[in-house]
C-alpha cells in the first residue's frame, strides 16, 4: 500500500492575524495535494476531470507557522464507491501531525451533471497504487 506525499511551502499570505496558517488555507493545501495526486498518479489534469468535491472535513491538531517553512501532505484513498472516491489527508510539519482531513469526490456526467461511475482507468490506478 502506497501513500502519496507532496510538500507545500508555507507562504506569508497563508498567515493570519494570530501568526499561524489560517484554517481555510488548510483546505487549499489539501486541494493542491489532490491536484498533484491526479497529475502524478492518475496522469490527469484535475481541472479537466468531471468531478466535484462533495464533502471536506478537517480536524486541527497544532498550528502551522511561517517559520515551519513547509508542510507535507499525505494522501490515501480510503474508499472507492460507484461514483465517489473518499480520500484521507494528513498535514504534517516534520513528524508532527498538524491536521487530518477527509474529502469525498463525486464523478459527474459532463453533459447532465448527474453522478457517473468513477472512470475505470482512475479506479484501476487508485486500486493499484494504494493496494485496494
N, C-alpha and C. Protein backbone atom coordinates (compact mmCIF):
# COMPACT_ATOMS: atom_id res chain seq x y z
N UNK A 1 0.84 -1.18 0.00
CA UNK A 1 0.00 0.00 0.00
C UNK A 1 0.88 1.24 0.00
N UNK A 2 0.64 2.14 -0.93
CA UNK A 2 1.41 3.37 -1.01
C UNK A 2 0.58 4.57 -0.59
N UNK A 3 1.23 5.48 0.06
CA UNK A 3 0.64 6.77 0.41
C UNK A 3 1.30 7.80 -0.48
N UNK A 4 0.49 8.66 -1.09
CA UNK A 4 1.03 9.73 -1.92
C UNK A 4 1.38 10.89 -0.99
N UNK A 5 2.59 11.45 -1.15
CA UNK A 5 3.03 12.56 -0.32
C UNK A 5 3.56 13.68 -1.20
N UNK A 6 3.18 14.89 -0.87
CA UNK A 6 3.72 16.07 -1.55
C UNK A 6 4.05 17.12 -0.49
N UNK A 7 4.96 18.00 -0.83
CA UNK A 7 5.37 19.05 0.10
C UNK A 7 4.93 20.40 -0.46
N UNK A 8 4.42 21.25 0.43
CA UNK A 8 3.92 22.56 0.04
C UNK A 8 4.58 23.61 0.94
N UNK A 9 5.10 24.65 0.31
CA UNK A 9 5.70 25.75 1.08
C UNK A 9 4.63 26.55 1.79
N UNK A 10 4.91 26.95 3.02
CA UNK A 10 4.05 27.86 3.76
C UNK A 10 4.42 29.27 3.30
N UNK A 11 3.42 29.98 2.79
CA UNK A 11 3.67 31.32 2.26
C UNK A 11 3.24 32.39 3.28
N UNK A 12 3.83 33.55 3.19
CA UNK A 12 3.47 34.64 4.07
C UNK A 12 1.98 34.95 3.98
N UNK A 13 1.42 34.86 2.79
CA UNK A 13 -0.01 35.16 2.60
C UNK A 13 -0.92 34.15 3.29
N UNK A 14 -0.38 32.99 3.70
CA UNK A 14 -1.17 31.97 4.39
C UNK A 14 -1.41 32.30 5.86
N UNK A 15 -0.64 33.24 6.38
CA UNK A 15 -0.63 33.54 7.81
C UNK A 15 -1.74 34.54 8.16
N UNK A 16 -2.42 34.29 9.27
CA UNK A 16 -3.49 35.19 9.70
C UNK A 16 -3.01 36.09 10.84
N UNK A 17 -3.91 36.85 11.39
CA UNK A 17 -3.57 37.82 12.44
C UNK A 17 -3.06 37.15 13.72
N UNK A 18 -3.32 35.87 13.88
CA UNK A 18 -2.85 35.15 15.06
C UNK A 18 -1.43 34.63 14.88
N UNK A 19 -0.86 34.81 13.67
CA UNK A 19 0.52 34.39 13.42
C UNK A 19 0.67 32.96 12.95
N UNK A 20 -0.44 32.31 12.61
CA UNK A 20 -0.34 30.95 12.09
C UNK A 20 -1.18 30.82 10.83
N UNK A 21 -1.04 29.68 10.16
CA UNK A 21 -1.78 29.46 8.92
C UNK A 21 -3.27 29.50 9.23
N UNK A 22 -3.99 30.28 8.44
CA UNK A 22 -5.43 30.41 8.60
C UNK A 22 -6.10 29.07 8.32
N UNK A 23 -7.17 28.78 9.07
CA UNK A 23 -7.85 27.49 8.94
C UNK A 23 -8.31 27.21 7.50
N UNK A 24 -8.74 28.20 6.76
CA UNK A 24 -9.22 27.98 5.39
C UNK A 24 -8.08 27.57 4.45
N UNK A 25 -6.86 27.94 4.78
CA UNK A 25 -5.72 27.62 3.92
C UNK A 25 -5.43 26.12 3.94
N UNK A 26 -5.76 25.46 5.03
CA UNK A 26 -5.56 24.01 5.10
C UNK A 26 -6.34 23.32 3.97
N UNK A 27 -7.56 23.81 3.70
CA UNK A 27 -8.35 23.25 2.60
C UNK A 27 -7.65 23.47 1.27
N UNK A 28 -6.98 24.61 1.12
CA UNK A 28 -6.22 24.88 -0.11
C UNK A 28 -5.03 23.93 -0.21
N UNK A 29 -4.35 23.68 0.90
CA UNK A 29 -3.24 22.72 0.90
C UNK A 29 -3.72 21.35 0.45
N UNK A 30 -4.86 20.90 0.98
CA UNK A 30 -5.40 19.60 0.63
C UNK A 30 -5.80 19.57 -0.85
N UNK A 31 -6.38 20.67 -1.32
CA UNK A 31 -6.75 20.76 -2.74
C UNK A 31 -5.52 20.68 -3.64
N UNK A 32 -4.46 21.37 -3.26
CA UNK A 32 -3.22 21.32 -4.05
C UNK A 32 -2.65 19.91 -4.07
N UNK A 33 -2.68 19.23 -2.93
CA UNK A 33 -2.19 17.85 -2.88
C UNK A 33 -3.04 16.95 -3.78
N UNK A 34 -4.35 17.15 -3.77
CA UNK A 34 -5.25 16.36 -4.62
C UNK A 34 -4.96 16.62 -6.10
N UNK A 35 -4.72 17.86 -6.45
CA UNK A 35 -4.39 18.22 -7.84
C UNK A 35 -3.11 17.54 -8.28
N UNK A 36 -2.09 17.55 -7.42
CA UNK A 36 -0.82 16.91 -7.74
C UNK A 36 -0.98 15.39 -7.81
N UNK A 37 -1.82 14.81 -6.96
CA UNK A 37 -2.11 13.38 -7.00
C UNK A 37 -2.73 13.00 -8.34
N UNK A 38 -3.72 13.75 -8.78
CA UNK A 38 -4.34 13.45 -10.07
C UNK A 38 -3.30 13.51 -11.19
N UNK A 39 -2.42 14.49 -11.13
CA UNK A 39 -1.38 14.62 -12.16
C UNK A 39 -0.37 13.48 -12.08
N UNK A 40 0.18 13.25 -10.90
CA UNK A 40 1.29 12.31 -10.74
C UNK A 40 0.87 10.84 -10.74
N UNK A 41 -0.26 10.53 -10.14
CA UNK A 41 -0.68 9.13 -10.02
C UNK A 41 -1.64 8.73 -11.14
N UNK A 42 -2.59 9.62 -11.46
CA UNK A 42 -3.61 9.28 -12.44
C UNK A 42 -3.31 9.82 -13.83
N UNK A 43 -2.27 10.65 -13.95
CA UNK A 43 -1.92 11.21 -15.25
C UNK A 43 -3.00 12.11 -15.81
N UNK A 44 -3.71 12.82 -14.93
CA UNK A 44 -4.84 13.64 -15.35
C UNK A 44 -4.73 15.06 -14.80
N UNK A 45 -5.23 15.99 -15.57
CA UNK A 45 -5.35 17.38 -15.14
C UNK A 45 -6.70 17.50 -14.43
N UNK A 46 -6.68 17.72 -13.13
CA UNK A 46 -7.92 17.74 -12.34
C UNK A 46 -8.91 18.77 -12.87
N UNK A 47 -8.41 19.86 -13.46
CA UNK A 47 -9.33 20.88 -13.98
C UNK A 47 -10.09 20.38 -15.22
N UNK A 48 -9.65 19.27 -15.79
CA UNK A 48 -10.33 18.71 -16.97
C UNK A 48 -11.10 17.42 -16.66
N UNK A 49 -11.12 17.06 -15.38
CA UNK A 49 -11.83 15.86 -14.95
C UNK A 49 -13.20 16.29 -14.44
N UNK A 50 -14.23 15.60 -14.88
CA UNK A 50 -15.59 15.95 -14.47
C UNK A 50 -15.87 15.36 -13.09
N UNK A 51 -15.52 16.15 -12.09
CA UNK A 51 -15.68 15.72 -10.70
C UNK A 51 -15.99 16.93 -9.83
N UNK A 52 -16.60 16.69 -8.70
CA UNK A 52 -16.93 17.76 -7.78
C UNK A 52 -16.56 17.31 -6.36
N UNK A 53 -16.13 18.27 -5.55
CA UNK A 53 -15.87 17.99 -4.14
C UNK A 53 -17.22 17.99 -3.43
N UNK A 54 -17.61 16.83 -2.90
CA UNK A 54 -18.91 16.70 -2.24
C UNK A 54 -18.83 17.00 -0.75
N UNK A 55 -17.70 16.67 -0.13
CA UNK A 55 -17.54 16.97 1.29
C UNK A 55 -16.07 17.09 1.64
N UNK A 56 -15.82 17.86 2.68
CA UNK A 56 -14.46 18.04 3.19
C UNK A 56 -14.57 18.28 4.68
N UNK A 57 -13.80 17.53 5.45
CA UNK A 57 -13.73 17.77 6.89
C UNK A 57 -12.26 17.85 7.28
N UNK A 58 -11.98 18.72 8.24
CA UNK A 58 -10.61 18.91 8.73
C UNK A 58 -10.64 18.96 10.25
N UNK A 59 -9.70 18.27 10.86
CA UNK A 59 -9.50 18.32 12.31
C UNK A 59 -8.10 18.86 12.54
N UNK A 60 -8.03 19.94 13.32
CA UNK A 60 -6.76 20.62 13.54
C UNK A 60 -6.11 20.11 14.82
N UNK A 61 -4.82 19.81 14.73
CA UNK A 61 -4.07 19.25 15.86
C UNK A 61 -3.07 20.25 16.45
N UNK A 62 -2.43 21.06 15.59
CA UNK A 62 -1.48 22.06 16.05
C UNK A 62 -1.37 23.13 14.99
N UNK A 63 -1.06 24.36 15.39
CA UNK A 63 -0.92 25.43 14.39
C UNK A 63 0.32 25.24 13.52
N UNK A 64 0.23 25.70 12.29
CA UNK A 64 1.37 25.76 11.39
C UNK A 64 1.76 27.22 11.29
N UNK A 65 3.05 27.49 11.40
CA UNK A 65 3.54 28.87 11.37
C UNK A 65 4.47 29.07 10.18
N UNK A 66 4.69 30.31 9.84
CA UNK A 66 5.56 30.64 8.71
C UNK A 66 6.95 30.06 8.90
N UNK A 67 7.44 30.05 10.14
CA UNK A 67 8.78 29.54 10.42
C UNK A 67 8.89 28.02 10.21
N UNK A 68 7.75 27.33 10.09
CA UNK A 68 7.79 25.90 9.78
C UNK A 68 8.31 25.65 8.37
N UNK A 69 8.17 26.63 7.50
CA UNK A 69 8.73 26.54 6.15
C UNK A 69 7.89 25.79 5.15
N UNK A 70 7.44 24.59 5.50
CA UNK A 70 6.63 23.80 4.57
C UNK A 70 5.82 22.78 5.36
N UNK A 71 4.85 22.21 4.68
CA UNK A 71 4.06 21.11 5.23
C UNK A 71 4.12 19.96 4.25
N UNK A 72 4.03 18.76 4.76
CA UNK A 72 3.91 17.56 3.93
C UNK A 72 2.46 17.11 4.01
N UNK A 73 1.91 16.77 2.86
CA UNK A 73 0.53 16.29 2.81
C UNK A 73 0.58 14.82 2.36
N UNK A 74 0.08 13.93 3.23
CA UNK A 74 -0.06 12.52 2.88
C UNK A 74 -1.49 12.30 2.43
N UNK A 75 -1.66 11.64 1.30
CA UNK A 75 -2.98 11.38 0.73
C UNK A 75 -3.14 9.89 0.51
N UNK A 76 -4.23 9.35 1.02
CA UNK A 76 -4.59 7.95 0.79
C UNK A 76 -6.02 7.89 0.28
N UNK A 77 -6.35 6.82 -0.40
CA UNK A 77 -7.72 6.58 -0.83
C UNK A 77 -8.31 5.58 0.16
N UNK A 78 -9.35 6.01 0.87
CA UNK A 78 -9.98 5.16 1.87
C UNK A 78 -11.06 4.27 1.27
N UNK A 79 -11.75 4.79 0.23
CA UNK A 79 -12.86 4.03 -0.34
C UNK A 79 -13.13 4.51 -1.75
N UNK A 80 -13.45 3.56 -2.62
CA UNK A 80 -13.89 3.89 -3.97
C UNK A 80 -15.28 3.29 -4.13
N UNK A 81 -16.27 4.17 -4.27
CA UNK A 81 -17.63 3.70 -4.49
C UNK A 81 -17.94 3.66 -5.98
N UNK A 82 -19.20 3.57 -6.32
CA UNK A 82 -19.58 3.54 -7.73
C UNK A 82 -19.23 4.86 -8.40
N UNK A 83 -19.62 5.97 -7.77
CA UNK A 83 -19.37 7.28 -8.37
C UNK A 83 -18.55 8.20 -7.47
N UNK A 84 -18.09 7.70 -6.35
CA UNK A 84 -17.36 8.57 -5.42
C UNK A 84 -16.04 7.94 -4.97
N UNK A 85 -15.15 8.83 -4.56
CA UNK A 85 -13.86 8.42 -4.00
C UNK A 85 -13.67 9.20 -2.71
N UNK A 86 -13.38 8.50 -1.63
CA UNK A 86 -13.09 9.15 -0.36
C UNK A 86 -11.60 9.09 -0.12
N UNK A 87 -11.02 10.26 0.10
CA UNK A 87 -9.57 10.39 0.33
C UNK A 87 -9.34 10.89 1.74
N UNK A 88 -8.27 10.38 2.35
CA UNK A 88 -7.86 10.89 3.65
C UNK A 88 -6.58 11.69 3.47
N UNK A 89 -6.42 12.70 4.30
CA UNK A 89 -5.28 13.59 4.22
C UNK A 89 -4.68 13.80 5.61
N UNK A 90 -3.37 13.82 5.65
CA UNK A 90 -2.67 14.15 6.88
C UNK A 90 -1.69 15.27 6.53
N UNK A 91 -1.82 16.39 7.23
CA UNK A 91 -0.93 17.53 7.04
C UNK A 91 0.07 17.51 8.18
N UNK A 92 1.36 17.43 7.81
CA UNK A 92 2.41 17.30 8.81
C UNK A 92 3.45 18.39 8.69
N UNK A 93 4.02 18.74 9.82
CA UNK A 93 5.24 19.54 9.89
C UNK A 93 6.27 18.62 10.52
N UNK A 94 7.28 18.28 9.72
CA UNK A 94 8.24 17.25 10.12
C UNK A 94 7.47 15.98 10.46
N UNK A 95 7.60 15.47 11.67
CA UNK A 95 6.89 14.24 12.03
C UNK A 95 5.65 14.49 12.87
N UNK A 96 5.26 15.76 12.99
CA UNK A 96 4.12 16.12 13.83
C UNK A 96 2.88 16.38 12.97
N UNK A 97 1.77 15.74 13.32
CA UNK A 97 0.53 15.94 12.58
C UNK A 97 -0.07 17.29 12.98
N UNK A 98 -0.28 18.13 11.98
CA UNK A 98 -0.89 19.45 12.22
C UNK A 98 -2.40 19.39 11.99
N UNK A 99 -2.84 18.56 11.05
CA UNK A 99 -4.27 18.42 10.77
C UNK A 99 -4.51 17.11 10.03
N UNK A 100 -5.74 16.62 10.19
CA UNK A 100 -6.18 15.43 9.46
C UNK A 100 -7.48 15.79 8.77
N UNK A 101 -7.69 15.19 7.60
CA UNK A 101 -8.91 15.51 6.88
C UNK A 101 -9.41 14.36 6.04
N UNK A 102 -10.64 14.52 5.58
CA UNK A 102 -11.25 13.56 4.68
C UNK A 102 -12.03 14.33 3.64
N UNK A 103 -11.90 13.91 2.39
CA UNK A 103 -12.60 14.55 1.28
C UNK A 103 -13.27 13.48 0.44
N UNK A 104 -14.48 13.78 -0.02
CA UNK A 104 -15.17 12.88 -0.93
C UNK A 104 -15.40 13.61 -2.24
N UNK A 105 -14.93 12.99 -3.32
CA UNK A 105 -15.11 13.50 -4.67
C UNK A 105 -16.16 12.65 -5.37
N UNK A 106 -17.00 13.28 -6.17
CA UNK A 106 -18.02 12.56 -6.92
C UNK A 106 -17.78 12.80 -8.40
N UNK A 107 -17.72 11.71 -9.16
CA UNK A 107 -17.59 11.80 -10.61
C UNK A 107 -18.93 12.20 -11.20
N UNK A 108 -18.88 13.08 -12.21
CA UNK A 108 -20.10 13.57 -12.84
C UNK A 108 -20.12 13.27 -14.32
N UNK A 109 -21.31 13.10 -14.84
CA UNK A 109 -21.50 13.05 -16.28
C UNK A 109 -21.36 14.49 -16.76
N UNK A 110 -20.42 14.77 -17.68
CA UNK A 110 -20.18 16.15 -18.07
C UNK A 110 -21.36 16.83 -18.76
N UNK A 111 -22.26 16.04 -19.35
CA UNK A 111 -23.40 16.63 -20.04
C UNK A 111 -24.57 16.91 -19.10
N UNK A 112 -24.90 15.95 -18.25
CA UNK A 112 -26.08 16.10 -17.38
C UNK A 112 -25.74 16.65 -16.00
N UNK A 113 -24.48 16.48 -15.57
CA UNK A 113 -24.10 16.89 -14.22
C UNK A 113 -24.53 15.89 -13.16
N UNK A 114 -25.09 14.77 -13.58
CA UNK A 114 -25.51 13.73 -12.64
C UNK A 114 -24.31 12.86 -12.26
N UNK A 115 -24.36 12.25 -11.07
CA UNK A 115 -23.27 11.34 -10.70
C UNK A 115 -23.08 10.26 -11.76
N UNK A 116 -21.82 9.93 -12.00
CA UNK A 116 -21.45 8.93 -13.00
C UNK A 116 -20.41 8.00 -12.41
N UNK A 117 -20.26 6.82 -12.95
CA UNK A 117 -19.24 5.91 -12.42
C UNK A 117 -17.84 6.51 -12.46
N UNK A 118 -17.04 6.20 -11.44
CA UNK A 118 -15.64 6.60 -11.44
C UNK A 118 -15.01 5.97 -12.68
N UNK A 119 -14.30 6.76 -13.49
CA UNK A 119 -13.69 6.17 -14.70
C UNK A 119 -12.85 4.94 -14.35
N UNK A 120 -13.00 3.89 -15.15
CA UNK A 120 -12.33 2.63 -14.86
C UNK A 120 -10.81 2.78 -14.82
N UNK A 121 -10.25 3.65 -15.65
CA UNK A 121 -8.80 3.86 -15.63
C UNK A 121 -8.36 4.45 -14.30
N UNK A 122 -9.12 5.42 -13.79
CA UNK A 122 -8.79 6.02 -12.49
C UNK A 122 -8.94 4.99 -11.38
N UNK A 123 -10.05 4.24 -11.42
CA UNK A 123 -10.29 3.21 -10.40
C UNK A 123 -9.12 2.23 -10.36
N UNK A 124 -8.71 1.75 -11.53
CA UNK A 124 -7.61 0.79 -11.60
C UNK A 124 -6.31 1.35 -11.07
N UNK A 125 -5.98 2.58 -11.44
CA UNK A 125 -4.75 3.21 -10.96
C UNK A 125 -4.77 3.39 -9.45
N UNK A 126 -5.90 3.85 -8.91
CA UNK A 126 -6.01 4.06 -7.46
C UNK A 126 -5.91 2.73 -6.72
N UNK A 127 -6.60 1.72 -7.21
CA UNK A 127 -6.55 0.41 -6.56
C UNK A 127 -5.13 -0.14 -6.57
N UNK A 128 -4.46 0.01 -7.68
CA UNK A 128 -3.09 -0.50 -7.80
C UNK A 128 -2.14 0.29 -6.90
N UNK A 129 -2.21 1.60 -6.96
CA UNK A 129 -1.28 2.45 -6.20
C UNK A 129 -1.44 2.27 -4.70
N UNK A 130 -2.69 2.17 -4.25
CA UNK A 130 -2.97 2.10 -2.81
C UNK A 130 -3.20 0.68 -2.31
N UNK A 131 -3.08 -0.30 -3.19
CA UNK A 131 -3.25 -1.69 -2.77
C UNK A 131 -4.65 -2.01 -2.31
N UNK A 132 -5.64 -1.45 -2.98
CA UNK A 132 -7.05 -1.69 -2.60
C UNK A 132 -7.60 -2.92 -3.28
